[in-house]
Amino acid sequence: MDPILIPILALCIPIVAIWAKHKQKIAQIEIEATAEKAAQYATRNTELEDRVRVLERIVTDKGYDVATQIEALRDARKVDALLEKHEGN
């Protein structure tokens, strides 16, 4: 083995160790970011599920039927008013 290689190897070992530690730190940061995004998606998903449950309750509730019927009556009155106006001319 060439005597000059010994100091070169001695200098390379800490450089490789620093590089490996840096790569490990980057991987850890990426894992934490991914975990945080997953938690945010889970929270958002829960919020959306809650909203869908509320909407399902509103639609299946009899109160929704009443509101729909009231709106239909309003629309019918508008049509009747337009017909009367048209017939009056």
C-alpha atoms as a PDB file:
ATOM      1  CA  MET A   1       0.000   0.000   0.000  1.00  0.00           C
ATOM      2  CA  ASP A   2       1.313   3.385  -0.952  1.00  0.00           C
ATOM      3  CA  PRO A   3       2.261   5.513   2.082  1.00  0.00           C
ATOM      4  CA  ILE A   4       0.453   8.551   0.662  1.00  0.00           C
ATOM      5  CA  LEU A   5      -2.880   6.692   0.623  1.00  0.00           C
ATOM      6  CA  ILE A   6      -2.948   6.379   4.416  1.00  0.00           C
ATOM      7  CA  PRO A   7      -3.389  10.142   5.079  1.00  0.00           C
ATOM      8  CA  ILE A   8      -5.854  10.428   2.199  1.00  0.00           C
ATOM      9  CA  LEU A   9      -7.961   7.608   3.667  1.00  0.00           C
ATOM     10  CA  ALA A  10      -7.686   9.180   7.099  1.00  0.00           C
ATOM     11  CA  LEU A  11      -9.139  12.421   5.677  1.00  0.00           C
ATOM     12  CA  CYS A  12     -11.851  10.654   3.662  1.00  0.00           C
ATOM     13  CA  ILE A  13     -13.352   8.793   6.612  1.00  0.00           C
ATOM     14  CA  PRO A  14     -14.633  11.944   8.434  1.00  0.00           C
ATOM     15  CA  ILE A  15     -15.882  13.394   5.154  1.00  0.00           C
ATOM     16  CA  VAL A  16     -17.904  10.244   4.443  1.00  0.00           C
ATOM     17  CA  ALA A  17     -19.213  10.256   8.024  1.00  0.00           C
ATOM     18  CA  ILE A  18     -20.318  13.906   7.711  1.00  0.00           C
ATOM     19  CA  TRP A  19     -21.983  13.174   4.357  1.00  0.00           C
ATOM     20  CA  ALA A  20     -23.816  10.127   5.783  1.00  0.00           C
ATOM     21  CA  LYS A  21     -25.007  12.126   8.789  1.00  0.00           C
ATOM     22  CA  HIS A  22     -26.238  14.883   6.468  1.00  0.00           C
ATOM     23  CA  LYS A  23     -28.160  12.378   4.319  1.00  0.00           C
ATOM     24  CA  GLN A  24     -29.698  10.865   7.454  1.00  0.00           C
ATOM     25  CA  LYS A  25     -30.804  14.329   8.651  1.00  0.00           C
ATOM     26  CA  ILE A  26     -32.398  15.095   5.262  1.00  0.00           C
ATOM     27  CA  ALA A  27     -34.257  11.773   5.337  1.00  0.00           C
ATOM     28  CA  GLN A  28     -35.530  12.521   8.865  1.00  0.00           C
ATOM     29  CA  ILE A  29     -36.797  15.960   7.792  1.00  0.00           C
ATOM     30  CA  GLU A  30     -38.614  14.412   4.828  1.00  0.00           C
ATOM     31  CA  ILE A  31     -40.212  11.783   7.097  1.00  0.00           C
ATOM     32  CA  GLU A  32     -41.441  14.469   9.499  1.00  0.00           C
ATOM     33  CA  ALA A  33     -42.841  16.561   6.647  1.00  0.00           C
ATOM     34  CA  THR A  34     -44.651  13.538   5.232  1.00  0.00           C
ATOM     35  CA  ALA A  35     -46.090  12.658   8.637  1.00  0.00           C
ATOM     36  CA  GLU A  36     -47.296  16.238   9.104  1.00  0.00           C
ATOM     37  CA  LYS A  37     -48.984  16.236   5.692  1.00  0.00           C
ATOM     38  CA  ALA A  38     -50.657  12.914   6.481  1.00  0.00           C
ATOM     39  CA  ALA A  39     -51.996  14.349   9.740  1.00  0.00           C
ATOM     40  CA  GLN A  40     -53.322  17.410   7.909  1.00  0.00           C
ATOM     41  CA  TYR A  41     -55.047  15.213   5.316  1.00  0.00           C
ATOM     42  CA  ALA A  42     -56.581  13.086   8.062  1.00  0.00           C
ATOM     43  CA  THR A  43     -57.891  16.186   9.846  1.00  0.00           C
ATOM     44  CA  ARG A  44     -59.306  17.601   6.617  1.00  0.00           C
ATOM     45  CA  ASN A  45     -60.890  14.244   5.808  1.00  0.00           C
ATOM     46  CA  THR A  46     -62.562  14.163   9.225  1.00  0.00           C
ATOM     47  CA  GLU A  47     -63.880  17.698   8.729  1.00  0.00           C
ATOM     48  CA  LEU A  48     -65.325  16.765   5.335  1.00  0.00           C
ATOM     49  CA  GLU A  49     -66.952  13.623   6.752  1.00  0.00           C
ATOM     50  CA  ASP A  50     -68.579  15.728   9.473  1.00  0.00           C
ATOM     51  CA  ARG A  51     -69.912  18.172   6.888  1.00  0.00           C
ATOM     52  CA  VAL A  52     -71.329  15.324   4.783  1.00  0.00           C
ATOM     53  CA  ARG A  53     -73.067  13.909   7.876  1.00  0.00           C
ATOM     54  CA  VAL A  54     -74.681  17.301   8.523  1.00  0.00           C
ATOM     55  CA  LEU A  55     -75.792  17.570   4.900  1.00  0.00           C
ATOM     56  CA  GLU A  56     -77.230  14.051   5.018  1.00  0.00           C
ATOM     57  CA  ARG A  57     -79.179  14.982   8.137  1.00  0.00           C
ATOM     58  CA  ILE A  58     -80.513  18.127   6.485  1.00  0.00           C
ATOM     59  CA  VAL A  59     -81.574  16.303   3.335  1.00  0.00           C
ATOM     60  CA  THR A  60     -83.205  13.399   5.158  1.00  0.00           C
ATOM     61  CA  ASP A  61     -84.876  15.682   7.699  1.00  0.00           C
ATOM     62  CA  LYS A  62     -88.533  16.551   7.136  1.00  0.00           C
ATOM     63  CA  GLY A  63     -87.625  20.228   7.481  1.00  0.00           C
ATOM     64  CA  TYR A  64     -85.878  20.032   4.147  1.00  0.00           C
ATOM     65  CA  ASP A  65     -89.088  18.783   2.564  1.00  0.00           C
ATOM     66  CA  VAL A  66     -91.023  21.717   3.986  1.00  0.00           C
ATOM     67  CA  ALA A  67     -88.445  24.212   2.722  1.00  0.00           C
ATOM     68  CA  THR A  68     -88.553  22.617  -0.726  1.00  0.00           C
ATOM     69  CA  GLN A  69     -92.331  22.790  -0.794  1.00  0.00           C
ATOM     70  CA  ILE A  70     -92.284  26.463   0.227  1.00  0.00           C
ATOM     71  CA  GLU A  71     -89.844  27.255  -2.576  1.00  0.00           C
ATOM     72  CA  ALA A  72     -92.027  25.352  -5.040  1.00  0.00           C
ATOM     73  CA  LEU A  73     -95.034  27.451  -3.972  1.00  0.00           C
ATOM     74  CA  ARG A  74     -93.046  30.640  -4.445  1.00  0.00           C
ATOM     75  CA  ASP A  75     -92.069  29.517  -7.931  1.00  0.00           C
ATOM     76  CA  ALA A  76     -95.707  28.650  -8.715  1.00  0.00           C
ATOM     77  CA  ARG A  77     -96.815  32.130  -7.616  1.00  0.00           C
ATOM     78  CA  LYS A  78     -94.237  33.693  -9.904  1.00  0.00           C
ATOM     79  CA  VAL A  79     -95.519  31.620 -12.825  1.00  0.00           C
ATOM     80  CA  ASP A  80     -99.155  32.542 -12.007  1.00  0.00           C
ATOM     81  CA  ALA A  81     -98.234  36.242 -11.793  1.00  0.00           C
ATOM     82  CA  LEU A  82     -96.497  36.081 -15.160  1.00  0.00           C
ATOM     83  CA  LEU A  83     -99.481  34.314 -16.750  1.00  0.00           C
ATOM     84  CA  GLU A  84    -101.911  36.899 -15.358  1.00  0.00           C
ATOM     85  CA  LYS A  85     -99.719  39.714 -16.604  1.00  0.00           C
ATOM     86  CA  HIS A  86     -99.493  38.097 -20.031  1.00  0.00           C
ATOM     87  CA  GLU A  87    -103.259  37.491 -20.223  1.00  0.00           C
ATOM     88  CA  GLY A  88    -103.976  41.059 -19.096  1.00  0.00           C
ATOM     89  CA  ASN A  89    -102.144  42.530 -22.103  1.00  0.00           C
END
